[in-house]
Amino acid sequence: MARTHPSIIRAAFAGLCPRCGARTLFAAPAELAHECANCGLNILSLERGGRFVGVVTMLLALVLILAALAVDEWLRPPLWASLLFWGHMTVGAVIFGLRFYKTMWVYHQYEESQQP
């Protein structure tokens, strides 16, 4: 019976290893672990797309800035409310964006390495 992979969003949130499914993909909120503590998969050898992380972060920043300007124009919230909301939103969005991108890249590289 073949093991099915979880959705990429679930794998990014939980940090699931592409080989065994353990929660060992990340050592920190947005930093990949060197290897899976459960099955020994060398995760860093699969993560060769790290140079594009800056591009992902800049695109995410552009989306957040445009959203902040639109919300400010539409709702006109006080400055303290904007800082409180967008500060937390930015941190959460960047961490999830990086986790999603890195998980997607590692899963893709893992599947490529399993092809004959």
N, C-alpha and C. Protein backbone atom coordinates (compact mmCIF):
# COMPACT_ATOMS: atom_id res chain seq x y z
N MET A 1 0.85 -1.18 0.00
CA MET A 1 0.00 0.00 0.00
C MET A 1 0.89 1.24 0.00
N ALA A 2 0.74 2.12 -0.97
CA ALA A 2 1.58 3.31 -1.10
C ALA A 2 1.12 4.39 -0.13
N ARG A 3 2.09 5.04 0.45
CA ARG A 3 1.79 6.14 1.36
C ARG A 3 1.51 7.39 0.54
N THR A 4 0.43 8.07 0.85
CA THR A 4 0.11 9.29 0.12
C THR A 4 0.70 10.48 0.85
N HIS A 5 1.11 11.46 0.08
CA HIS A 5 1.66 12.68 0.68
C HIS A 5 0.52 13.59 1.12
N PRO A 6 0.73 14.34 2.21
CA PRO A 6 -0.29 15.30 2.63
C PRO A 6 -0.30 16.48 1.67
N SER A 7 -1.30 17.34 1.81
CA SER A 7 -1.32 18.55 0.99
C SER A 7 -0.10 19.39 1.35
N ILE A 8 0.34 20.19 0.42
CA ILE A 8 1.54 21.00 0.63
C ILE A 8 1.31 22.04 1.73
N ILE A 9 0.08 22.53 1.86
CA ILE A 9 -0.21 23.51 2.92
C ILE A 9 -0.14 22.84 4.28
N ARG A 10 -0.69 21.65 4.41
CA ARG A 10 -0.61 20.90 5.68
C ARG A 10 0.84 20.57 6.01
N ALA A 11 1.60 20.15 4.99
CA ALA A 11 3.01 19.83 5.21
C ALA A 11 3.79 21.06 5.64
N ALA A 12 3.46 22.23 5.08
CA ALA A 12 4.17 23.46 5.45
C ALA A 12 3.82 23.89 6.87
N PHE A 13 2.54 23.82 7.23
CA PHE A 13 2.14 24.19 8.59
C PHE A 13 2.77 23.26 9.62
N ALA A 14 2.72 21.97 9.37
CA ALA A 14 3.20 21.00 10.35
C ALA A 14 4.68 20.70 10.22
N GLY A 15 5.31 21.04 9.10
CA GLY A 15 6.73 20.75 8.90
C GLY A 15 6.99 19.26 8.73
N LEU A 16 6.23 18.63 7.84
CA LEU A 16 6.30 17.18 7.68
C LEU A 16 7.42 16.77 6.73
N CYS A 17 8.18 15.77 7.14
CA CYS A 17 9.25 15.20 6.32
C CYS A 17 8.63 14.54 5.08
N PRO A 18 9.23 14.74 3.89
CA PRO A 18 8.65 14.13 2.69
C PRO A 18 8.79 12.61 2.65
N ARG A 19 9.74 12.06 3.38
CA ARG A 19 9.94 10.60 3.36
C ARG A 19 9.06 9.89 4.38
N CYS A 20 9.13 10.32 5.65
CA CYS A 20 8.44 9.57 6.71
C CYS A 20 7.21 10.27 7.27
N GLY A 21 7.04 11.57 7.01
CA GLY A 21 5.86 12.29 7.49
C GLY A 21 5.98 12.80 8.92
N ALA A 22 7.17 12.69 9.53
CA ALA A 22 7.36 13.20 10.89
C ALA A 22 7.46 14.73 10.85
N ARG A 23 7.20 15.35 11.97
CA ARG A 23 7.25 16.82 12.07
C ARG A 23 8.68 17.30 12.30
N THR A 24 9.56 17.01 11.35
CA THR A 24 10.98 17.31 11.54
C THR A 24 11.57 18.12 10.39
N LEU A 25 10.76 18.71 9.53
CA LEU A 25 11.28 19.43 8.37
C LEU A 25 11.94 20.75 8.76
N PHE A 26 11.45 21.41 9.80
CA PHE A 26 11.96 22.71 10.20
C PHE A 26 12.62 22.67 11.57
N ALA A 27 13.77 23.34 11.68
CA ALA A 27 14.46 23.46 12.96
C ALA A 27 14.01 24.73 13.69
N ALA A 28 13.56 25.73 12.95
CA ALA A 28 13.06 26.99 13.49
C ALA A 28 11.83 27.36 12.64
N PRO A 29 11.13 28.42 12.98
CA PRO A 29 9.90 28.72 12.23
C PRO A 29 10.06 28.75 10.71
N ALA A 30 11.18 29.25 10.19
CA ALA A 30 11.36 29.30 8.73
C ALA A 30 12.73 28.76 8.31
N GLU A 31 13.36 27.97 9.15
CA GLU A 31 14.68 27.41 8.85
C GLU A 31 14.58 25.89 8.75
N LEU A 32 15.03 25.37 7.62
CA LEU A 32 15.00 23.92 7.43
C LEU A 32 15.97 23.22 8.37
N ALA A 33 15.60 22.04 8.80
CA ALA A 33 16.50 21.21 9.60
C ALA A 33 17.57 20.64 8.67
N HIS A 34 18.70 20.25 9.24
CA HIS A 34 19.76 19.65 8.44
C HIS A 34 19.35 18.28 7.94
N GLU A 35 18.72 17.51 8.82
CA GLU A 35 18.23 16.19 8.43
C GLU A 35 17.04 15.83 9.30
N CYS A 36 16.27 14.87 8.83
CA CYS A 36 15.11 14.40 9.58
C CYS A 36 15.60 13.58 10.78
N ALA A 37 15.15 13.93 11.96
CA ALA A 37 15.55 13.21 13.16
C ALA A 37 14.92 11.82 13.22
N ASN A 38 13.88 11.59 12.45
CA ASN A 38 13.18 10.32 12.47
C ASN A 38 13.77 9.31 11.49
N CYS A 39 13.93 9.71 10.22
CA CYS A 39 14.38 8.77 9.19
C CYS A 39 15.78 9.06 8.65
N GLY A 40 16.38 10.19 9.03
CA GLY A 40 17.73 10.51 8.60
C GLY A 40 17.84 11.13 7.22
N LEU A 41 16.74 11.54 6.60
CA LEU A 41 16.79 12.16 5.28
C LEU A 41 17.57 13.47 5.36
N ASN A 42 18.54 13.64 4.47
CA ASN A 42 19.33 14.86 4.41
C ASN A 42 18.50 15.94 3.72
N ILE A 43 17.89 16.80 4.49
CA ILE A 43 16.96 17.79 3.97
C ILE A 43 17.71 18.91 3.26
N LEU A 44 18.85 19.33 3.79
CA LEU A 44 19.57 20.43 3.18
C LEU A 44 20.09 20.09 1.79
N SER A 45 20.32 18.81 1.51
CA SER A 45 20.76 18.45 0.16
C SER A 45 19.62 18.61 -0.84
N LEU A 46 18.39 18.60 -0.37
CA LEU A 46 17.23 18.77 -1.25
C LEU A 46 16.89 20.24 -1.47
N GLU A 47 17.35 21.11 -0.60
CA GLU A 47 17.00 22.52 -0.65
C GLU A 47 18.07 23.30 -1.41
N ARG A 48 17.96 23.28 -2.73
CA ARG A 48 18.92 24.00 -3.55
C ARG A 48 18.32 25.27 -4.12
N GLY A 49 17.12 25.60 -3.78
CA GLY A 49 16.45 26.79 -4.32
C GLY A 49 16.45 27.95 -3.35
N GLY A 50 17.37 27.96 -2.40
CA GLY A 50 17.39 28.97 -1.36
C GLY A 50 17.64 30.38 -1.84
N ARG A 51 18.26 30.52 -3.01
CA ARG A 51 18.57 31.87 -3.49
C ARG A 51 17.32 32.63 -3.93
N PHE A 52 16.21 31.94 -4.14
CA PHE A 52 14.99 32.61 -4.57
C PHE A 52 14.11 33.02 -3.39
N VAL A 53 14.56 32.77 -2.19
CA VAL A 53 13.78 33.13 -1.00
C VAL A 53 13.60 34.64 -0.94
N GLY A 54 14.61 35.40 -1.34
CA GLY A 54 14.49 36.86 -1.35
C GLY A 54 13.42 37.34 -2.30
N VAL A 55 13.31 36.71 -3.45
CA VAL A 55 12.28 37.08 -4.42
C VAL A 55 10.90 36.80 -3.84
N VAL A 56 10.74 35.65 -3.21
CA VAL A 56 9.45 35.31 -2.59
C VAL A 56 9.10 36.34 -1.51
N THR A 57 10.07 36.71 -0.70
CA THR A 57 9.84 37.69 0.36
C THR A 57 9.48 39.06 -0.20
N MET A 58 10.16 39.47 -1.26
CA MET A 58 9.85 40.78 -1.87
C MET A 58 8.45 40.79 -2.50
N LEU A 59 8.06 39.71 -3.16
CA LEU A 59 6.72 39.65 -3.73
C LEU A 59 5.66 39.67 -2.63
N LEU A 60 5.93 38.97 -1.55
CA LEU A 60 5.01 38.97 -0.41
C LEU A 60 4.92 40.37 0.21
N ALA A 61 6.05 41.07 0.30
CA ALA A 61 6.06 42.44 0.83
C ALA A 61 5.24 43.37 -0.05
N LEU A 62 5.36 43.19 -1.37
CA LEU A 62 4.58 44.02 -2.29
C LEU A 62 3.08 43.81 -2.08
N VAL A 63 2.67 42.56 -1.95
CA VAL A 63 1.25 42.25 -1.72
C VAL A 63 0.79 42.85 -0.40
N LEU A 64 1.59 42.72 0.65
CA LEU A 64 1.20 43.27 1.96
C LEU A 64 1.12 44.79 1.94
N ILE A 65 2.05 45.45 1.25
CA ILE A 65 2.02 46.91 1.17
C ILE A 65 0.78 47.38 0.42
N LEU A 66 0.48 46.74 -0.69
CA LEU A 66 -0.72 47.11 -1.45
C LEU A 66 -1.99 46.86 -0.63
N ALA A 67 -2.03 45.77 0.11
CA ALA A 67 -3.18 45.48 0.96
C ALA A 67 -3.31 46.52 2.08
N ALA A 68 -2.18 46.89 2.67
CA ALA A 68 -2.21 47.89 3.74
C ALA A 68 -2.69 49.24 3.22
N LEU A 69 -2.24 49.62 2.04
CA LEU A 69 -2.69 50.89 1.46
C LEU A 69 -4.18 50.84 1.13
N ALA A 70 -4.65 49.72 0.61
CA ALA A 70 -6.07 49.60 0.29
C ALA A 70 -6.94 49.64 1.55
N VAL A 71 -6.52 48.94 2.59
CA VAL A 71 -7.28 48.96 3.85
C VAL A 71 -7.26 50.35 4.46
N ASP A 72 -6.13 51.03 4.40
CA ASP A 72 -6.05 52.38 4.95
C ASP A 72 -6.96 53.34 4.19
N GLU A 73 -7.00 53.20 2.88
CA GLU A 73 -7.86 54.06 2.07
C GLU A 73 -9.34 53.77 2.32
N TRP A 74 -9.66 52.51 2.51
CA TRP A 74 -11.07 52.11 2.64
C TRP A 74 -11.59 52.33 4.05
N LEU A 75 -10.84 51.94 5.08
CA LEU A 75 -11.34 51.98 6.46
C LEU A 75 -10.83 53.16 7.28
N ARG A 76 -9.69 53.72 6.92
CA ARG A 76 -9.05 54.81 7.69
C ARG A 76 -8.90 54.46 9.18
N PRO A 77 -8.24 53.33 9.50
CA PRO A 77 -8.06 52.98 10.92
C PRO A 77 -7.03 53.90 11.58
N PRO A 78 -7.05 54.01 12.90
CA PRO A 78 -6.02 54.80 13.57
C PRO A 78 -4.65 54.14 13.39
N LEU A 79 -3.61 54.95 13.54
CA LEU A 79 -2.25 54.48 13.29
C LEU A 79 -1.88 53.30 14.20
N TRP A 80 -2.26 53.37 15.47
CA TRP A 80 -1.91 52.28 16.39
C TRP A 80 -2.56 50.96 15.96
N ALA A 81 -3.79 51.02 15.45
CA ALA A 81 -4.47 49.80 15.02
C ALA A 81 -3.80 49.22 13.76
N SER A 82 -3.39 50.11 12.86
CA SER A 82 -2.69 49.65 11.66
C SER A 82 -1.37 49.00 12.01
N LEU A 83 -0.61 49.62 12.90
CA LEU A 83 0.68 49.06 13.30
C LEU A 83 0.51 47.71 13.99
N LEU A 84 -0.48 47.64 14.86
CA LEU A 84 -0.73 46.39 15.58
C LEU A 84 -1.15 45.27 14.62
N PHE A 85 -2.07 45.55 13.73
CA PHE A 85 -2.55 44.54 12.79
C PHE A 85 -1.49 44.16 11.77
N TRP A 86 -0.93 45.16 11.08
CA TRP A 86 -0.01 44.85 9.99
C TRP A 86 1.34 44.33 10.48
N GLY A 87 1.73 44.68 11.69
CA GLY A 87 2.96 44.10 12.25
C GLY A 87 2.83 42.60 12.41
N HIS A 88 1.76 42.18 13.04
CA HIS A 88 1.53 40.75 13.23
C HIS A 88 1.26 40.04 11.90
N MET A 89 0.50 40.69 11.04
CA MET A 89 0.19 40.10 9.74
C MET A 89 1.46 39.88 8.92
N THR A 90 2.38 40.84 8.96
CA THR A 90 3.61 40.73 8.18
C THR A 90 4.48 39.59 8.68
N VAL A 91 4.66 39.51 9.99
CA VAL A 91 5.47 38.43 10.55
C VAL A 91 4.88 37.07 10.21
N GLY A 92 3.58 36.92 10.42
CA GLY A 92 2.92 35.65 10.13
C GLY A 92 2.97 35.30 8.65
N ALA A 93 2.73 36.27 7.79
CA ALA A 93 2.73 36.01 6.35
C ALA A 93 4.11 35.65 5.84
N VAL A 94 5.13 36.32 6.33
CA VAL A 94 6.50 36.00 5.89
C VAL A 94 6.91 34.61 6.36
N ILE A 95 6.63 34.30 7.60
CA ILE A 95 6.99 32.96 8.10
C ILE A 95 6.24 31.89 7.33
N PHE A 96 4.93 32.05 7.13
CA PHE A 96 4.20 31.04 6.39
C PHE A 96 4.64 31.00 4.93
N GLY A 97 4.88 32.15 4.32
CA GLY A 97 5.32 32.18 2.93
C GLY A 97 6.64 31.44 2.74
N LEU A 98 7.59 31.65 3.66
CA LEU A 98 8.87 30.96 3.57
C LEU A 98 8.70 29.47 3.82
N ARG A 99 7.89 29.11 4.81
CA ARG A 99 7.66 27.68 5.07
C ARG A 99 7.00 27.00 3.87
N PHE A 100 6.02 27.67 3.27
CA PHE A 100 5.34 27.11 2.11
C PHE A 100 6.31 26.92 0.95
N TYR A 101 7.09 27.96 0.64
CA TYR A 101 8.04 27.89 -0.47
C TYR A 101 9.08 26.80 -0.24
N LYS A 102 9.66 26.77 0.95
CA LYS A 102 10.69 25.78 1.24
C LYS A 102 10.13 24.36 1.23
N THR A 103 8.93 24.18 1.78
CA THR A 103 8.30 22.86 1.77
C THR A 103 8.02 22.42 0.34
N MET A 104 7.48 23.33 -0.45
CA MET A 104 7.18 23.01 -1.84
C MET A 104 8.46 22.60 -2.58
N TRP A 105 9.54 23.34 -2.37
CA TRP A 105 10.80 23.05 -3.05
C TRP A 105 11.38 21.72 -2.59
N VAL A 106 11.39 21.45 -1.29
CA VAL A 106 11.94 20.19 -0.77
C VAL A 106 11.12 19.00 -1.26
N TYR A 107 9.80 19.11 -1.23
CA TYR A 107 8.96 18.01 -1.71
C TYR A 107 9.19 17.76 -3.19
N HIS A 108 9.32 18.83 -3.97
CA HIS A 108 9.58 18.66 -5.40
C HIS A 108 10.93 17.97 -5.64
N GLN A 109 11.95 18.42 -4.94
CA GLN A 109 13.28 17.83 -5.10
C GLN A 109 13.29 16.37 -4.62
N TYR A 110 12.56 16.08 -3.56
CA TYR A 110 12.50 14.71 -3.06
C TYR A 110 11.84 13.80 -4.09
N GLU A 111 10.72 14.26 -4.67
CA GLU A 111 10.06 13.44 -5.68
C GLU A 111 10.92 13.26 -6.91
N GLU A 112 11.67 14.30 -7.29
CA GLU A 112 12.59 14.18 -8.43
C GLU A 112 13.70 13.17 -8.14
N SER A 113 14.18 13.16 -6.91
CA SER A 113 15.27 12.24 -6.58
C SER A 113 14.79 10.79 -6.50
N GLN A 114 13.48 10.57 -6.34
CA GLN A 114 12.94 9.22 -6.26
C GLN A 114 12.62 8.64 -7.64
N GLN A 115 12.68 9.48 -8.68
CA GLN A 115 12.41 8.99 -10.03
C GLN A 115 13.58 8.15 -10.52
N PRO A 116 13.33 7.04 -11.23
CA PRO A 116 14.43 6.19 -11.71
C PRO A 116 15.22 6.82 -12.83
